Protein backbone atom coordinates (compact mmCIF):
# COMPACT_ATOMS: atom_id res chain seq x y z
CA MET A 1 -0.04 0.02 -0.02
CA ASP A 2 2.87 2.40 0.64
CA ALA A 3 4.37 1.71 -2.74
CA LEU A 4 0.99 2.28 -4.42
CA ALA A 5 0.40 5.39 -2.50
CA ALA A 6 3.95 6.75 -3.39
CA LEU A 7 3.14 5.79 -7.04
CA TRP A 8 -0.17 7.78 -7.09
CA ASP A 9 1.38 10.74 -5.41
CA GLY A 10 4.41 10.84 -7.77
CA ALA A 11 2.00 10.82 -10.74
CA PHE A 12 -1.04 12.65 -9.66
CA GLY A 13 -0.61 13.72 -6.15
CA SER A 14 0.02 17.50 -6.83
CA ALA A 15 -0.24 20.07 -9.70
CA PHE A 16 3.55 19.76 -10.17
CA ALA A 17 3.23 15.94 -10.43
CA ILE A 18 0.65 16.14 -13.08
CA TRP A 19 1.93 19.10 -15.30
CA SER A 20 5.52 18.84 -14.74
CA ALA A 21 6.21 15.14 -14.29
CA THR A 22 3.38 12.81 -15.68
CA LEU A 23 2.53 14.90 -18.79
CA VAL A 24 6.03 15.87 -19.58
CA ARG A 25 6.94 12.07 -19.57
CA ALA A 26 3.87 11.36 -21.75
CA THR A 27 4.93 13.91 -24.42
CA PRO A 28 7.57 11.69 -26.19
CA LEU A 29 5.38 8.53 -25.70
CA LEU A 30 2.40 10.38 -27.25
CA LEU A 31 4.34 11.46 -30.27
CA LEU A 32 6.27 8.03 -30.68
CA GLY A 33 3.05 6.13 -30.09
CA LEU A 34 1.57 7.97 -33.08
CA ALA A 35 4.54 7.19 -35.24
CA VAL A 36 4.34 3.54 -34.39
CA ALA A 37 0.45 3.40 -34.78
CA LEU A 38 0.80 4.98 -38.13
CA ALA A 39 3.33 2.38 -39.39
CA PHE A 40 1.47 -0.56 -37.85
CA ARG A 41 -1.79 0.49 -39.43
CA ALA A 42 -0.01 0.12 -42.81
CA GLY A 43 1.24 -3.29 -41.82
CA LEU A 44 4.79 -1.97 -41.21
CA LEU A 45 6.60 -3.20 -38.06
CA ASN A 46 8.49 -0.11 -37.38
CA ILE A 47 10.63 -0.85 -34.28
CA GLY A 48 12.89 1.98 -34.98
CA ALA A 49 11.11 4.86 -33.27
CA GLU A 50 13.92 4.97 -30.68
CA GLY A 51 16.66 5.62 -33.42
CA GLN A 52 14.37 8.07 -35.25
CA LEU A 53 13.91 10.04 -32.03
CA LEU A 54 17.58 10.20 -31.60
CA MET A 55 18.23 11.41 -35.08
CA GLY A 56 15.39 13.96 -34.75
CA ALA A 57 17.08 15.17 -31.56
CA VAL A 58 20.47 15.52 -33.46
CA GLY A 59 18.85 17.55 -36.21
CA ALA A 60 17.01 19.79 -33.79
CA SER A 61 20.19 20.28 -31.71
CA ALA A 62 22.25 21.19 -34.74
CA ALA A 63 19.55 23.78 -35.67
CA ALA A 64 19.41 25.21 -32.21
CA LEU A 65 23.16 25.49 -31.87
CA SER A 66 23.45 26.98 -35.32
CA LEU A 67 20.73 29.65 -35.04
CA GLY A 68 21.90 30.76 -31.51
CA THR A 69 20.06 33.83 -30.32
CA ALA A 70 17.73 34.19 -33.27
CA PRO A 71 14.10 34.96 -32.42
CA ARG A 72 12.43 32.18 -30.60
CA ALA A 73 9.75 31.58 -33.15
CA ILE A 74 12.33 31.06 -36.02
CA VAL A 75 14.44 28.72 -33.82
CA VAL A 76 11.54 26.59 -32.59
CA LEU A 77 10.26 26.26 -36.09
CA ALA A 78 13.66 25.37 -37.32
CA MET A 79 14.09 22.66 -34.62
CA LEU A 80 10.75 21.26 -35.59
CA ALA A 81 11.59 21.06 -39.28
CA ALA A 82 15.15 19.67 -38.57
CA GLY A 83 13.92 17.23 -36.15
CA ALA A 84 11.16 15.88 -38.62
CA THR A 85 13.77 15.72 -41.34
CA GLY A 86 16.27 13.82 -39.23
CA GLY A 87 13.60 11.21 -38.26
CA ALA A 88 12.28 10.91 -41.78
CA LEU A 89 15.82 10.54 -43.26
CA TRP A 90 16.55 7.77 -40.71
CA SER A 91 13.44 5.86 -41.43
CA GLY A 92 13.94 6.50 -45.03
CA ILE A 93 16.98 4.16 -44.87
CA ALA A 94 14.83 1.11 -43.70
CA ALA A 95 12.23 2.14 -46.26
CA TRP A 96 14.81 1.94 -49.07
CA LEU A 97 16.25 -1.20 -47.87
CA LYS A 98 12.88 -2.76 -47.84
CA ARG A 99 11.85 -1.55 -51.27
CA ARG A 100 15.17 -2.19 -53.09
CA PHE A 101 16.37 -5.47 -51.37
CA GLY A 102 13.45 -6.73 -49.55
CA VAL A 103 14.99 -6.32 -45.99
CA LEU A 104 12.47 -6.88 -43.30
CA GLU A 105 11.81 -3.58 -41.56
CA VAL A 106 11.95 -5.34 -38.13
CA ILE A 107 15.54 -6.20 -38.57
CA SER A 108 16.77 -2.92 -40.27
CA THR A 109 14.95 -0.61 -37.81
CA ILE A 110 16.33 -2.33 -34.82
CA MET A 111 19.86 -2.34 -36.08
CA LEU A 112 19.42 1.34 -37.00
CA ASN A 113 18.41 2.01 -33.30
CA PHE A 114 21.91 0.88 -32.21
CA ILE A 115 23.58 2.89 -34.96
CA ALA A 116 21.76 5.93 -33.98
CA ALA A 117 22.71 5.53 -30.37
CA ALA A 118 26.35 5.15 -31.40
CA LEU A 119 26.15 8.13 -33.69
CA VAL A 120 24.85 10.32 -30.85
CA SER A 121 27.58 9.09 -28.66
CA TRP A 122 30.22 10.12 -31.21
CA LEU A 123 28.67 13.46 -31.87
CA VAL A 124 28.53 14.53 -28.19
CA ARG A 125 32.15 13.39 -27.76
CA GLY A 126 33.26 14.93 -31.05
CA PRO A 127 31.75 17.68 -33.33
CA LEU A 128 28.98 18.72 -30.97
CA GLN A 129 30.66 18.37 -27.63
CA GLU A 130 30.53 21.39 -25.30
CA PRO A 131 33.53 23.70 -25.45
CA THR A 132 35.40 22.44 -22.19
CA ARG A 133 35.52 18.89 -23.64
CA ILE A 134 34.75 17.53 -20.11
CA TYR A 135 31.14 16.26 -20.47
CA PRO A 136 29.68 13.92 -23.18
CA GLN A 137 27.05 16.45 -24.30
CA SER A 138 26.58 19.45 -26.56
CA SER A 139 26.58 22.96 -25.31
CA THR A 140 23.49 24.17 -23.52
CA PHE A 141 20.95 25.87 -25.89
CA SER A 142 20.37 29.54 -25.85
CA ALA A 143 17.03 30.78 -24.28
CA SER A 144 15.62 31.20 -27.87
CA ALA A 145 15.80 27.28 -28.34
CA HIS A 146 13.74 26.72 -25.15
CA TRP A 147 10.31 25.66 -26.26
CA PRO A 148 7.53 27.74 -24.47
CA PHE A 149 5.80 26.25 -21.49
CA LEU A 150 2.03 25.79 -21.77
CA ILE A 151 1.39 26.67 -18.14
CA PRO A 152 3.31 29.31 -16.12
CA GLY A 153 5.35 27.83 -13.40
CA GLN A 154 5.11 24.26 -14.77
CA ARG A 155 7.41 22.17 -17.23
CA LEU A 156 4.74 21.15 -19.64
CA HIS A 157 5.87 22.40 -22.94
CA LEU A 158 4.78 23.05 -26.54
CA GLY A 159 5.50 19.32 -27.58
CA PHE A 160 2.45 17.99 -25.75
CA ALA A 161 0.16 20.40 -27.66
CA ILE A 162 1.76 19.35 -30.96
CA GLY A 163 1.18 15.65 -29.95
CA VAL A 164 -2.52 16.26 -29.24
CA VAL A 165 -3.16 18.13 -32.46
CA LEU A 166 -1.16 15.40 -34.41
CA ALA A 167 -3.38 12.65 -32.83
CA LEU A 168 -6.59 14.39 -33.73
CA VAL A 169 -5.31 15.10 -37.30
CA LEU A 170 -4.19 11.49 -37.79
CA TRP A 171 -7.52 10.09 -36.53
CA TRP A 172 -9.43 12.47 -38.94
CA TRP A 173 -7.03 11.43 -41.83
CA PHE A 174 -7.55 7.61 -41.14
CA GLU A 175 -11.28 7.82 -40.98
CA ARG A 176 -12.20 10.62 -43.37
CA THR A 177 -9.74 10.62 -46.27
CA ALA A 178 -8.97 8.46 -49.23
CA GLY A 179 -5.37 8.46 -48.20
CA GLY A 180 -6.13 7.11 -44.82
CA PHE A 181 -8.27 4.50 -46.32
CA ARG A 182 -5.41 3.34 -48.66
CA VAL A 183 -3.06 3.02 -45.65
CA ARG A 184 -5.71 1.00 -43.79
CA ALA A 185 -6.32 -1.15 -46.91
CA VAL A 186 -2.50 -1.85 -47.23
CA GLY A 187 -2.42 -2.82 -43.62
CA ALA A 188 -5.34 -5.14 -43.90
CA GLY A 189 -4.00 -6.89 -47.06
CA ALA A 190 -1.42 -5.43 -49.40
CA ARG A 191 -2.15 -7.90 -52.34
CA ALA A 192 -5.91 -7.32 -52.11
CA ALA A 193 -5.39 -3.57 -51.86
CA ALA A 194 -3.20 -3.73 -55.03
CA SER A 195 -5.22 -6.06 -57.05
CA ALA A 196 -8.84 -5.16 -56.12
CA GLY A 197 -8.29 -1.47 -54.98
CA GLY A 198 -5.57 -0.39 -57.41
CA VAL A 199 -3.40 0.93 -54.52
CA ASP A 200 0.30 1.61 -55.22
CA VAL A 201 1.44 -0.47 -52.28
CA ALA A 202 5.16 0.35 -52.68
CA SER A 203 4.56 4.15 -52.80
CA THR A 204 2.12 3.93 -49.99
CA VAL A 205 4.56 2.15 -47.67
CA MET A 206 7.40 4.45 -48.52
CA ARG A 207 5.32 7.58 -47.70
CA VAL A 208 4.16 5.98 -44.48
CA PHE A 209 7.63 5.12 -43.43
CA LEU A 210 8.83 8.65 -43.97
CA VAL A 211 5.85 10.28 -42.10
CA SER A 212 6.17 7.84 -39.25
CA GLY A 213 9.90 8.78 -38.94
CA ALA A 214 9.22 12.37 -39.08
CA ILE A 215 6.74 12.26 -36.29
CA ALA A 216 9.30 10.31 -34.23
CA GLY A 217 11.84 12.91 -35.05
CA ILE A 218 9.50 15.60 -33.82
CA ALA A 219 9.47 13.75 -30.49
CA GLY A 220 13.24 14.03 -30.43
CA ALA A 221 13.10 17.69 -31.11
CA ALA A 222 10.61 18.27 -28.42
CA GLU A 223 12.81 16.39 -25.85
CA VAL A 224 15.83 18.49 -26.48
CA GLY A 225 13.82 21.71 -26.95
CA GLY A 226 11.38 21.26 -24.11
CA VAL A 227 13.25 19.22 -21.45
CA THR A 228 16.99 18.82 -21.59
CA TRP A 229 18.05 21.88 -23.66
CA ALA A 230 21.11 20.04 -24.80
CA LEU A 231 22.01 16.81 -26.64
CA TYR A 232 23.66 14.06 -24.56
CA GLU A 233 24.14 10.27 -24.24
CA GLY A 234 21.29 8.40 -22.93
CA LEU A 235 18.81 10.97 -24.03
CA SER A 236 16.03 8.39 -24.28
CA PRO A 237 15.58 5.69 -21.51
CA GLY A 238 13.80 3.56 -24.03
CA TYR A 239 10.85 5.68 -24.99
CA GLY A 240 10.81 4.18 -28.64
CA TYR A 241 10.23 0.71 -27.21
CA THR A 242 7.66 1.82 -24.62
CA ALA A 243 5.79 3.50 -27.47
CA ILE A 244 4.98 0.15 -28.95
CA ALA A 245 3.09 -0.68 -25.82
CA VAL A 246 1.37 2.74 -25.85
CA ALA A 247 0.14 2.12 -29.48
CA LEU A 248 -0.92 -1.47 -28.86
CA LEU A 249 -2.83 -0.64 -25.71
CA ALA A 250 -4.66 2.03 -27.68
CA ARG A 251 -5.32 -0.55 -30.44
CA LEU A 252 -3.57 1.77 -32.89
CA ASP A 253 -6.42 4.49 -32.45
CA PRO A 254 -4.71 7.93 -32.35
CA ARG A 255 -7.33 9.35 -30.00
CA TRP A 256 -6.79 6.55 -27.40
CA ILE A 257 -3.06 7.10 -27.70
CA ILE A 258 -3.46 10.35 -25.85
CA ALA A 259 -4.93 8.38 -22.97
CA THR A 260 -2.50 5.52 -22.98
CA SER A 261 0.55 7.75 -23.24
CA ILE A 262 -0.61 9.61 -20.11
CA PHE A 263 -1.08 6.31 -18.41
CA PHE A 264 2.41 5.20 -19.27
CA GLY A 265 3.87 8.67 -18.39
CA ALA A 266 2.17 8.29 -15.00
CA LEU A 267 3.76 5.00 -14.38
CA GLU A 268 7.09 6.53 -15.30
CA ALA A 269 6.57 9.49 -13.06
CA GLY A 270 5.24 7.57 -10.11
CA ALA A 271 8.11 4.99 -10.39
CA ALA A 272 10.70 7.57 -9.22
CA ALA A 273 8.54 8.52 -6.26
CA MET A 274 7.83 4.89 -5.38
CA GLN A 275 11.54 4.12 -5.20
CA ARG A 276 12.29 7.34 -3.31
CA ASP A 277 9.48 7.15 -0.69
CA ALA A 278 8.63 3.40 -0.45
CA GLN A 279 12.02 1.93 -1.32
CA VAL A 280 10.51 -0.22 -4.08
CA PRO A 281 12.68 -0.56 -7.15
CA ALA A 282 11.40 1.57 -10.13
CA VAL A 283 11.93 -1.46 -12.34
CA VAL A 284 8.76 -2.85 -10.86
CA VAL A 285 6.91 -0.47 -13.18
CA GLN A 286 8.51 -2.26 -16.30
CA ILE A 287 6.94 -5.43 -15.00
CA VAL A 288 3.45 -3.73 -14.96
CA VAL A 289 4.06 -2.51 -18.53
CA ALA A 290 4.97 -6.02 -19.65
CA LEU A 291 1.80 -7.39 -18.01
CA VAL A 292 -0.35 -4.77 -19.74
CA VAL A 293 1.14 -5.60 -23.09
CA LEU A 294 0.59 -9.36 -22.55
CA GLY A 295 -2.95 -8.75 -21.41
CA VAL A 296 -3.75 -6.61 -24.47
CA LEU A 297 -2.38 -9.29 -26.80
CA ALA A 298 -4.14 -12.13 -24.89
CA VAL A 299 -7.56 -10.27 -25.22
CA THR A 300 -6.94 -9.56 -28.95
CA ALA A 301 -6.19 -13.22 -29.55
CA LEU A 302 -9.25 -14.28 -27.67
CA ARG A 303 -11.48 -11.97 -29.59
CA ASP A 304 -10.09 -13.14 -32.90
CA LYS A 305 -10.60 -16.69 -31.91
CA GLN A 306 -14.28 -16.13 -30.92
CA MET A 307 -14.87 -14.26 -34.19
CA ALA A 308 -13.45 -17.05 -36.23
CA GLN A 309 -15.58 -19.54 -34.43
CA ARG A 310 -18.71 -17.46 -35.01
CA LEU A 311 -17.80 -17.22 -38.77
CA ALA A 312 -17.30 -20.90 -38.89
CA VAL A 313 -20.70 -21.51 -37.31
CA ASP A 314 -22.39 -19.12 -39.77
CA ALA A 315 -20.71 -20.68 -42.73
CA GLU A 316 -22.06 -24.21 -41.57
């Protein structure tokens, strides 16, 4: 009970816990969950959101350091564009490998995650390292590159608002546009979409891969622009992998990803308080996450089995 009380207090026990801890941790999960959901909807197992986030952070950091003390609006927009471009280019590598050589995206995106982490490590110990050459990080960004906070006195930043807007736009696009229908058709059955629907599957997959990477890159830009104000090793504690659980728990529905990202953000925020106040290791939260994912998969499998049984009975 002490552990649960500490978990709750750390996540929702105060205004600071909600606005400056839970929702701040939910922001990268929201954006990355949308990136994963978009790819999964098209039948693409993009496991590379982690690497795409890192490359988005690299692009945004380069923009912030290059522009220096330029007006905030210009710097923030440049960081958004550079972050999206970095993520899209990184996912584009996997998309090209799939289209040109038939490389499975599960393998290529996982490998690219490790390459991205190694590249960040090299950058913060080389070209982008801070001037004293003591710490493995970039220089701290100027105030112009600090993303605006949404609530005075709290740490919730612009990235969360961008994530909510993107979630609503993606939901509308999936449900109300021909492009969204084509993506869902490719995910449901690429061969059927090509033969019966006349969908250009290869082009659709390429575009989805690039947009998915761009959204993940925006998550990296939001993290360095709204939270850390510098690029350093270990920027992400595994957000890209947790985002898979966020998307699956929401059943790939962008609207529900807003809720599931807050749920996982609350677990992350409460874990630190639980370890501090109740001496319960924060890693216990990862067990909870794993159980949630297994539960979702089990319920999905059970529903599919029941539907197959009903169809078989109707056919008889």
